[in-house]
Amino acid sequence: MAESSAHSGRLLVVCQYRSCQRYGSAKVLEKLMAEAPCGITVQPSGCLGLCGSGPIVLVMPDDLYYWRVSPTAVEVIIHQHLIHNQPVREMLHPRWHGQ
């Protein structure tokens, strides 16, 4: 899969702390682990300091925070950001990425 290998080396960190778990971060993590393109690492994390905004997904080294990520939104992030290298602007956390 040549297109996805061009964007390999990214790390997706999915908060699994209390408030994110309350809003379904385990399902977001599960879906990302199952569907992320080859060469992209997905891992759970503790609190990312954005409680009440979850589930939070941090994309490194891009340093982009997605907020209120649902399992359905995972497909958009994968297709638009991870495969086509276009961050999903409307899903970026406004505290870190002023809209």
C-alpha atoms as a PDB file:
ATOM      1  CA  MET A   1       0.000   0.000   0.000  1.00  0.00           C
ATOM      2  CA  ALA A   2       2.250   2.779  -1.282  1.00  0.00           C
ATOM      3  CA  GLU A   3      -0.008   5.682  -0.375  1.00  0.00           C
ATOM      4  CA  SER A   4      -0.200   4.823   3.330  1.00  0.00           C
ATOM      5  CA  SER A   5       3.519   4.043   3.560  1.00  0.00           C
ATOM      6  CA  ALA A   6       4.222   7.648   2.553  1.00  0.00           C
ATOM      7  CA  HIS A   7       2.663   8.689   5.861  1.00  0.00           C
ATOM      8  CA  SER A   8       4.047   5.959   8.098  1.00  0.00           C
ATOM      9  CA  GLY A   9       5.881   6.801  11.271  1.00  0.00           C
ATOM     10  CA  ARG A  10       2.908   8.534  12.834  1.00  0.00           C
ATOM     11  CA  LEU A  11       1.816   7.692  16.351  1.00  0.00           C
ATOM     12  CA  LEU A  12      -1.811   7.973  17.441  1.00  0.00           C
ATOM     13  CA  VAL A  13      -2.316   8.292  21.186  1.00  0.00           C
ATOM     14  CA  VAL A  14      -5.840   7.657  22.462  1.00  0.00           C
ATOM     15  CA  CYS A  15      -6.705   8.834  25.964  1.00  0.00           C
ATOM     16  CA  GLN A  16      -8.134   6.085  28.148  1.00  0.00           C
ATOM     17  CA  TYR A  17      -8.558   8.111  31.322  1.00  0.00           C
ATOM     18  CA  ARG A  18     -11.862   8.437  33.182  1.00  0.00           C
ATOM     19  CA  SER A  19     -13.782  11.105  31.282  1.00  0.00           C
ATOM     20  CA  CYS A  20     -12.624   9.851  27.880  1.00  0.00           C
ATOM     21  CA  GLN A  21     -13.607   6.299  28.856  1.00  0.00           C
ATOM     22  CA  ARG A  22     -17.016   7.577  29.884  1.00  0.00           C
ATOM     23  CA  TYR A  23     -17.506   8.866  26.333  1.00  0.00           C
ATOM     24  CA  GLY A  24     -16.373   5.706  24.551  1.00  0.00           C
ATOM     25  CA  SER A  25     -12.619   6.003  24.101  1.00  0.00           C
ATOM     26  CA  ALA A  26     -12.180   2.208  24.347  1.00  0.00           C
ATOM     27  CA  LYS A  27     -14.225   1.782  21.157  1.00  0.00           C
ATOM     28  CA  VAL A  28     -12.259   4.558  19.431  1.00  0.00           C
ATOM     29  CA  LEU A  29      -8.983   2.862  20.408  1.00  0.00           C
ATOM     30  CA  GLU A  30     -10.244  -0.529  19.239  1.00  0.00           C
ATOM     31  CA  LYS A  31     -11.344   0.837  15.857  1.00  0.00           C
ATOM     32  CA  LEU A  32      -8.083   2.727  15.293  1.00  0.00           C
ATOM     33  CA  MET A  33      -6.028  -0.354  16.189  1.00  0.00           C
ATOM     34  CA  ALA A  34      -8.027  -2.443  13.728  1.00  0.00           C
ATOM     35  CA  GLU A  35      -8.139   0.033  10.839  1.00  0.00           C
ATOM     36  CA  ALA A  36      -5.068   2.308  10.964  1.00  0.00           C
ATOM     37  CA  PRO A  37      -2.924   2.048   7.842  1.00  0.00           C
ATOM     38  CA  CYS A  38       0.219  -0.046   7.951  1.00  0.00           C
ATOM     39  CA  GLY A  39       3.172   1.765   9.507  1.00  0.00           C
ATOM     40  CA  ILE A  40       1.067   3.846  11.889  1.00  0.00           C
ATOM     41  CA  THR A  41       1.264   3.007  15.587  1.00  0.00           C
ATOM     42  CA  VAL A  42      -1.800   3.310  17.817  1.00  0.00           C
ATOM     43  CA  GLN A  43      -1.498   3.190  21.590  1.00  0.00           C
ATOM     44  CA  PRO A  44      -3.605   3.966  24.662  1.00  0.00           C
ATOM     45  CA  SER A  45      -2.539   6.671  27.085  1.00  0.00           C
ATOM     46  CA  GLY A  46      -3.396   8.128  30.428  1.00  0.00           C
ATOM     47  CA  CYS A  47      -4.850  11.600  30.755  1.00  0.00           C
ATOM     48  CA  LEU A  48      -3.858  14.058  28.029  1.00  0.00           C
ATOM     49  CA  GLY A  49      -5.039  17.036  30.093  1.00  0.00           C
ATOM     50  CA  LEU A  50      -8.160  17.828  28.091  1.00  0.00           C
ATOM     51  CA  CYS A  51     -10.757  16.298  30.385  1.00  0.00           C
ATOM     52  CA  GLY A  52     -14.322  16.917  29.330  1.00  0.00           C
ATOM     53  CA  SER A  53     -13.331  17.096  25.651  1.00  0.00           C
ATOM     54  CA  GLY A  54     -12.942  13.401  25.022  1.00  0.00           C
ATOM     55  CA  PRO A  55     -12.370  11.055  23.585  1.00  0.00           C
ATOM     56  CA  ILE A  56      -9.085  12.702  22.608  1.00  0.00           C
ATOM     57  CA  VAL A  57      -6.807  11.383  19.864  1.00  0.00           C
ATOM     58  CA  LEU A  58      -3.344  12.949  19.558  1.00  0.00           C
ATOM     59  CA  VAL A  59      -1.541  12.521  16.229  1.00  0.00           C
ATOM     60  CA  MET A  60       2.255  12.734  16.467  1.00  0.00           C
ATOM     61  CA  PRO A  61       4.570  14.070  15.156  1.00  0.00           C
ATOM     62  CA  ASP A  62       1.886  16.361  13.680  1.00  0.00           C
ATOM     63  CA  ASP A  63       1.017  17.485  17.240  1.00  0.00           C
ATOM     64  CA  LEU A  64      -2.701  17.641  16.412  1.00  0.00           C
ATOM     65  CA  TYR A  65      -5.417  16.960  18.976  1.00  0.00           C
ATOM     66  CA  TYR A  66      -8.764  15.627  17.788  1.00  0.00           C
ATOM     67  CA  TRP A  67     -11.598  15.962  20.291  1.00  0.00           C
ATOM     68  CA  ARG A  68     -14.925  14.252  20.848  1.00  0.00           C
ATOM     69  CA  VAL A  69     -13.806  11.456  18.544  1.00  0.00           C
ATOM     70  CA  SER A  70     -16.431   8.797  17.897  1.00  0.00           C
ATOM     71  CA  PRO A  71     -15.892   5.423  16.227  1.00  0.00           C
ATOM     72  CA  THR A  72     -17.539   6.876  13.107  1.00  0.00           C
ATOM     73  CA  ALA A  73     -15.133   9.837  13.127  1.00  0.00           C
ATOM     74  CA  VAL A  74     -12.198   7.405  13.141  1.00  0.00           C
ATOM     75  CA  GLU A  75     -12.955   6.561   9.506  1.00  0.00           C
ATOM     76  CA  VAL A  76     -12.766  10.251   8.548  1.00  0.00           C
ATOM     77  CA  ILE A  77      -9.462  10.737  10.397  1.00  0.00           C
ATOM     78  CA  ILE A  78      -7.965   7.661   8.755  1.00  0.00           C
ATOM     79  CA  HIS A  79      -9.084   8.538   5.246  1.00  0.00           C
ATOM     80  CA  GLN A  80      -8.512  12.284   5.261  1.00  0.00           C
ATOM     81  CA  HIS A  81      -5.573  12.750   7.656  1.00  0.00           C
ATOM     82  CA  LEU A  82      -3.625   9.515   7.762  1.00  0.00           C
ATOM     83  CA  ILE A  83      -3.993   8.481   4.118  1.00  0.00           C
ATOM     84  CA  HIS A  84      -4.383  11.823   2.321  1.00  0.00           C
ATOM     85  CA  ASN A  85      -2.364  13.956   4.753  1.00  0.00           C
ATOM     86  CA  GLN A  86      -5.146  16.536   5.208  1.00  0.00           C
ATOM     87  CA  PRO A  87      -6.032  17.173   8.869  1.00  0.00           C
ATOM     88  CA  VAL A  88      -9.769  17.205   9.600  1.00  0.00           C
ATOM     89  CA  ARG A  89      -9.948  20.877  10.630  1.00  0.00           C
ATOM     90  CA  GLU A  90     -13.487  20.787  12.008  1.00  0.00           C
ATOM     91  CA  MET A  91     -12.513  17.982  14.421  1.00  0.00           C
ATOM     92  CA  LEU A  92      -9.371  19.640  15.829  1.00  0.00           C
ATOM     93  CA  HIS A  93      -9.573  20.749  19.449  1.00  0.00           C
ATOM     94  CA  PRO A  94     -10.293  24.512  19.423  1.00  0.00           C
ATOM     95  CA  ARG A  95      -8.253  25.105  22.587  1.00  0.00           C
ATOM     96  CA  TRP A  96      -5.054  24.017  20.807  1.00  0.00           C
ATOM     97  CA  HIS A  97      -5.937  24.738  17.200  1.00  0.00           C
ATOM     98  CA  GLY A  98      -7.980  27.962  17.275  1.00  0.00           C
ATOM     99  CA  GLN A  99     -10.774  27.667  14.753  1.00  0.00           C
END
